[in-house]
Amino acid sequence: MPVITEGMLRKLEKEGHLEKVRITEKDILTPSAREYLNVKKIDYRIKKSQEKAIEKKENDEKKSEVSQVKKSEEKISPKRQYRDYFTGAIYDKKPEYMTQLFGDNLVVKNHKRIVLRGKFDILQAEVIRYWKKYEKNKKLESDFAQAYRFVRDLFISEMTDTPFQERDVLGYDIDTLKDITHNTIKYYKTGHLFEINADFDEAVIDINCLRALSRECEVAAVDAFYKEGKTERVDMLKALNRLSSILYLMMLKANNGDYKS
């Protein structure tokens, strides 16, 4: 409920808008403002019926403006459509049982590439969980960070269908990692860590869980990329094989006490 003062009216007069002023029944006029309008002989009162008509007109104009904006947006942004990756069928709305393989191309959610992405998602989440758990152990935290980046890069490579870029991890290139994990006596003066059980250090047990999940990813990748004797994405299959080597090397280091202060 606005309060209209003489000062407000004088300002309107300076701006040349005083003649257009309209006071509704909801407005409050100060005595000096009322006297000012009377002196100026300005018919300022709007009857209730007029007030409703003006309000309706303003509302209609606003609705019209909104409608025009929506129509304009529809012309600029055409309605999104999805395409079945295999049949070419077009969907205006993505079916609940389908998901995007690449761009707007849809496949059913049990497609082998989508299953692989689910495995990657779980592995990445678990790596983050253990990374957080050991964040106070700076040596182990650093190795977890490198393992996470390797998993993340693999995940992105698969989703974007771009080649995986190899790089050093834990201070070694990925081929040297394979050599180390296949020759544990040479590098760590110990045999392989078979039959992991509750007697092992907690870090060894945790990292072994991640190693097992990486194997699941590798098997899912072979299922997705090996078709009728032909292998696709050899780069990814190699990197996934080395991922288990990365995690196994972390197990060897944990078992050897390399992460202890």
Protein backbone atom coordinates (compact mmCIF):
# COMPACT_ATOMS: atom_id res chain seq x y z
CA MET A 1 0.00 0.00 0.00
CA PRO A 2 2.16 2.95 -1.28
CA VAL A 3 2.27 6.28 0.58
CA ILE A 4 2.37 9.26 -1.81
CA THR A 5 3.92 12.46 -0.49
CA GLU A 6 3.99 16.04 -1.74
CA GLY A 7 7.71 15.66 -2.45
CA MET A 8 7.04 12.74 -4.77
CA LEU A 9 4.43 14.75 -6.66
CA ARG A 10 6.73 17.78 -7.05
CA LYS A 11 9.35 15.49 -8.54
CA LEU A 12 6.82 14.13 -11.03
CA GLU A 13 5.89 17.69 -11.98
CA LYS A 14 9.54 18.57 -12.72
CA GLU A 15 9.74 15.49 -14.93
CA GLY A 16 6.53 16.47 -16.73
CA HIS A 17 4.53 13.47 -15.53
CA LEU A 18 2.23 15.04 -12.95
CA GLU A 19 -0.76 15.23 -15.32
CA LYS A 20 -0.59 11.45 -15.79
CA VAL A 21 -0.62 10.60 -12.09
CA ARG A 22 -3.36 8.20 -10.99
CA ILE A 23 -4.15 7.33 -7.41
CA THR A 24 -5.94 4.05 -6.69
CA GLU A 25 -8.05 3.18 -3.67
CA LYS A 26 -5.11 1.18 -2.31
CA ASP A 27 -2.80 4.21 -2.24
CA ILE A 28 -2.41 6.58 0.72
CA LEU A 29 -2.15 10.33 0.10
CA THR A 30 -0.57 12.54 2.74
CA PRO A 31 -2.64 15.68 3.55
CA SER A 32 -0.05 17.96 1.91
CA ALA A 33 -0.01 15.78 -1.21
CA ARG A 34 -3.80 15.88 -1.48
CA GLU A 35 -3.78 19.67 -1.08
CA TYR A 36 -1.02 19.99 -3.72
CA LEU A 37 -3.07 18.02 -6.27
CA ASN A 38 -6.19 20.07 -5.50
CA VAL A 39 -4.25 23.33 -5.99
CA LYS A 40 -3.02 22.01 -9.33
CA LYS A 41 -6.62 21.01 -10.15
CA ILE A 42 -5.60 17.52 -11.18
CA ASP A 43 -8.26 14.81 -11.28
CA TYR A 44 -6.20 12.03 -9.78
CA ARG A 45 -8.69 9.52 -8.44
CA ILE A 46 -9.37 6.27 -10.30
CA LYS A 47 -12.64 4.49 -9.67
CA LYS A 48 -12.45 0.85 -8.66
CA SER A 49 -13.90 -0.32 -11.98
CA GLN A 50 -11.32 1.72 -13.89
CA GLU A 51 -8.56 0.39 -11.65
CA LYS A 52 -9.52 -3.22 -12.41
CA ALA A 53 -9.66 -2.51 -16.14
CA ILE A 54 -6.19 -0.95 -16.10
CA GLU A 55 -4.82 -3.83 -14.04
CA LYS A 56 -6.34 -6.38 -16.46
CA LYS A 57 -4.85 -4.56 -19.43
CA GLU A 58 -1.40 -4.53 -17.82
CA ASN A 59 -1.63 -8.25 -17.00
CA ASP A 60 -2.73 -9.07 -20.56
CA GLU A 61 0.20 -7.10 -21.95
CA LYS A 62 2.64 -8.97 -19.68
CA LYS A 63 1.20 -12.35 -20.73
CA SER A 64 1.49 -11.36 -24.38
CA GLU A 65 5.15 -10.37 -23.89
CA VAL A 66 5.93 -13.70 -22.16
CA SER A 67 4.19 -15.60 -24.96
CA GLN A 68 6.21 -13.76 -27.60
CA VAL A 69 9.46 -14.51 -25.76
CA LYS A 70 8.61 -18.24 -25.57
CA LYS A 71 7.77 -18.37 -29.27
CA SER A 72 11.01 -16.60 -30.07
CA GLU A 73 13.00 -19.06 -27.93
CA GLU A 74 11.31 -22.01 -29.62
CA LYS A 75 12.34 -20.67 -33.03
CA ILE A 76 15.94 -20.12 -31.90
CA SER A 77 16.25 -23.43 -29.99
CA PRO A 78 14.66 -26.31 -31.91
CA LYS A 79 13.26 -29.15 -29.85
CA ARG A 80 15.90 -31.73 -28.93
CA GLN A 81 15.57 -35.13 -30.54
CA TYR A 82 17.25 -38.42 -29.76
CA ARG A 83 18.25 -41.15 -32.21
CA ASP A 84 18.42 -44.89 -31.71
CA TYR A 85 22.07 -45.81 -32.33
CA PHE A 86 21.17 -49.07 -34.09
CA THR A 87 17.78 -48.57 -35.75
CA GLY A 88 17.92 -44.84 -36.45
CA ALA A 89 14.50 -44.35 -34.83
CA ILE A 90 13.86 -40.81 -33.59
CA TYR A 91 12.62 -40.01 -30.07
CA ASP A 92 11.36 -36.63 -28.84
CA LYS A 93 11.87 -37.84 -25.30
CA LYS A 94 14.55 -40.23 -24.04
CA PRO A 95 12.98 -43.57 -22.97
CA GLU A 96 13.73 -44.53 -19.36
CA TYR A 97 15.37 -47.81 -20.39
CA MET A 98 17.82 -46.07 -22.75
CA THR A 99 20.82 -43.80 -22.26
CA GLN A 100 23.24 -41.80 -24.39
CA LEU A 101 26.16 -43.65 -25.95
CA PHE A 102 27.59 -40.64 -27.78
CA GLY A 103 25.88 -37.26 -28.16
CA ASP A 104 22.14 -37.83 -28.74
CA ASN A 105 22.59 -41.44 -29.89
CA LEU A 106 20.73 -43.81 -27.58
CA VAL A 107 21.27 -47.45 -26.63
CA VAL A 108 19.61 -49.69 -24.05
CA LYS A 109 21.19 -49.47 -20.60
CA ASN A 110 22.52 -53.04 -20.72
CA HIS A 111 24.62 -52.25 -23.81
CA LYS A 112 28.17 -53.52 -23.26
CA ARG A 113 29.70 -50.04 -23.40
CA ILE A 114 27.21 -48.79 -20.81
CA VAL A 115 27.94 -51.78 -18.56
CA LEU A 116 31.65 -50.90 -18.82
CA ARG A 117 30.91 -47.30 -17.84
CA GLY A 118 29.04 -48.57 -14.80
CA LYS A 119 32.13 -50.57 -13.77
CA PHE A 120 34.32 -47.49 -14.25
CA ASP A 121 31.90 -45.44 -12.17
CA ILE A 122 32.08 -47.89 -9.26
CA LEU A 123 35.88 -48.19 -9.45
CA GLN A 124 36.36 -44.42 -9.54
CA ALA A 125 34.05 -43.96 -6.55
CA GLU A 126 35.94 -46.59 -4.55
CA VAL A 127 39.33 -45.12 -5.39
CA ILE A 128 38.10 -41.74 -4.13
CA ARG A 129 36.79 -43.36 -0.93
CA TYR A 130 40.15 -44.94 -0.06
CA TRP A 131 42.04 -41.86 -1.22
CA LYS A 132 40.07 -39.88 1.36
CA LYS A 133 40.59 -42.56 4.02
CA TYR A 134 44.40 -42.35 3.74
CA GLU A 135 44.72 -38.60 3.11
CA LYS A 136 46.83 -38.12 6.26
CA ASN A 137 49.42 -40.59 4.96
CA LYS A 138 51.09 -38.30 2.42
CA LYS A 139 53.03 -41.04 0.60
CA LEU A 140 49.99 -43.28 0.17
CA GLU A 141 47.72 -40.30 -0.54
CA SER A 142 50.02 -39.27 -3.39
CA ASP A 143 49.88 -42.75 -4.96
CA PHE A 144 46.09 -42.85 -4.61
CA ALA A 145 45.89 -39.47 -6.38
CA GLN A 146 47.92 -40.86 -9.29
CA ALA A 147 45.78 -44.01 -9.45
CA TYR A 148 42.64 -41.87 -9.47
CA ARG A 149 43.90 -39.72 -12.36
CA PHE A 150 44.70 -42.89 -14.33
CA VAL A 151 41.16 -44.25 -13.78
CA ARG A 152 39.59 -40.88 -14.57
CA ASP A 153 41.56 -40.56 -17.82
CA LEU A 154 40.50 -44.08 -18.84
CA PHE A 155 36.86 -43.25 -18.09
CA ILE A 156 37.03 -40.04 -20.17
CA SER A 157 38.80 -41.85 -23.01
CA GLU A 158 36.01 -44.40 -23.22
CA MET A 159 33.15 -41.91 -22.95
CA THR A 160 34.60 -39.57 -25.59
CA ASP A 161 35.87 -42.45 -27.75
CA THR A 162 39.32 -40.85 -27.96
CA PRO A 163 42.75 -42.56 -27.68
CA PHE A 164 44.14 -43.08 -24.19
CA GLN A 165 47.28 -41.05 -23.56
CA GLU A 166 49.89 -43.11 -21.72
CA ARG A 167 52.01 -41.41 -19.04
CA ASP A 168 54.19 -42.36 -16.08
CA VAL A 169 52.49 -43.50 -12.89
CA LEU A 170 54.16 -44.04 -9.50
CA GLY A 171 57.45 -43.00 -11.12
CA TYR A 172 57.39 -45.60 -13.93
CA ASP A 173 56.09 -45.91 -17.48
CA ILE A 174 53.29 -48.44 -17.77
CA ASP A 175 55.44 -51.12 -19.43
CA THR A 176 57.98 -50.99 -16.59
CA LEU A 177 55.09 -51.34 -14.14
CA LYS A 178 54.24 -54.67 -15.76
CA ASP A 179 57.83 -55.84 -15.44
CA ILE A 180 57.97 -54.91 -11.73
CA THR A 181 54.73 -56.65 -10.85
CA HIS A 182 55.76 -59.79 -12.75
CA ASN A 183 59.19 -59.94 -11.05
CA THR A 184 58.47 -59.19 -7.41
CA ILE A 185 61.53 -61.06 -6.12
CA LYS A 186 63.81 -58.93 -8.29
CA TYR A 187 62.33 -55.63 -7.17
CA TYR A 188 60.88 -56.34 -3.71
CA LYS A 189 62.73 -59.47 -2.54
CA THR A 190 59.39 -61.17 -1.97
CA GLY A 191 57.08 -63.53 -3.78
CA HIS A 192 53.66 -62.62 -5.10
CA LEU A 193 50.96 -61.62 -2.62
CA PHE A 194 48.64 -64.59 -2.92
CA GLU A 195 45.71 -65.40 -0.61
CA ILE A 196 45.22 -61.93 0.86
CA ASN A 197 43.63 -62.40 4.28
CA ALA A 198 42.93 -60.57 7.54
CA ASP A 199 46.55 -60.95 8.66
CA PHE A 200 47.72 -58.43 6.07
CA ASP A 201 48.02 -54.71 6.74
CA GLU A 202 44.73 -52.84 6.29
CA ALA A 203 46.13 -50.78 3.39
CA VAL A 204 47.07 -53.96 1.52
CA ILE A 205 43.54 -55.32 2.00
CA ASP A 206 41.92 -52.05 0.84
CA ILE A 207 44.09 -51.70 -2.26
CA ASN A 208 43.43 -55.35 -3.12
CA CYS A 209 39.70 -54.55 -3.23
CA LEU A 210 40.45 -51.87 -5.83
CA ARG A 211 42.65 -54.29 -7.78
CA ALA A 212 39.75 -56.77 -7.94
CA LEU A 213 37.40 -54.02 -9.17
CA SER A 214 39.92 -53.05 -11.85
CA ARG A 215 39.83 -56.66 -13.06
CA GLU A 216 36.05 -56.39 -13.40
CA CYS A 217 36.54 -53.30 -15.55
CA GLU A 218 39.07 -55.12 -17.70
CA VAL A 219 36.75 -58.08 -18.30
CA ALA A 220 33.85 -55.73 -19.13
CA ALA A 221 36.12 -53.87 -21.58
CA VAL A 222 37.11 -57.11 -23.34
CA ASP A 223 33.42 -57.97 -23.57
CA ALA A 224 32.71 -54.57 -25.13
CA PHE A 225 35.67 -54.31 -27.51
CA TYR A 226 36.38 -57.91 -28.60
CA LYS A 227 34.02 -58.86 -31.41
CA GLU A 228 34.21 -61.93 -33.64
CA GLY A 229 37.98 -62.24 -33.42
CA LYS A 230 38.57 -58.51 -33.90
CA THR A 231 39.77 -56.25 -31.10
CA GLU A 232 38.80 -52.58 -30.84
CA ARG A 233 40.37 -50.05 -28.48
CA VAL A 234 43.62 -51.97 -27.92
CA ASP A 235 44.93 -48.85 -26.16
CA MET A 236 42.22 -49.11 -23.51
CA LEU A 237 42.61 -52.85 -23.00
CA LYS A 238 46.35 -52.40 -22.47
CA ALA A 239 45.81 -49.49 -20.05
CA LEU A 240 43.26 -51.46 -18.04
CA ASN A 241 45.71 -54.35 -17.76
CA ARG A 242 48.33 -51.93 -16.47
CA LEU A 243 45.85 -50.41 -14.02
CA SER A 244 45.82 -53.67 -12.07
CA SER A 245 49.65 -53.51 -12.15
CA ILE A 246 49.52 -50.00 -10.64
CA LEU A 247 47.31 -51.19 -7.81
CA TYR A 248 49.34 -54.35 -7.29
CA LEU A 249 52.52 -52.27 -7.02
CA MET A 250 50.78 -50.16 -4.36
CA MET A 251 49.98 -53.39 -2.50
CA LEU A 252 53.64 -54.43 -2.68
CA LYS A 253 54.74 -51.05 -1.37
CA ALA A 254 52.22 -51.20 1.48
CA ASN A 255 53.28 -54.74 2.38
CA ASN A 256 56.93 -53.65 2.28
CA GLY A 257 56.28 -50.77 4.69
CA ASP A 258 57.08 -48.08 2.09
CA TYR A 259 54.11 -45.97 3.18
CA LYS A 260 55.00 -45.92 6.85
CA SER A 261 56.50 -42.74 8.27
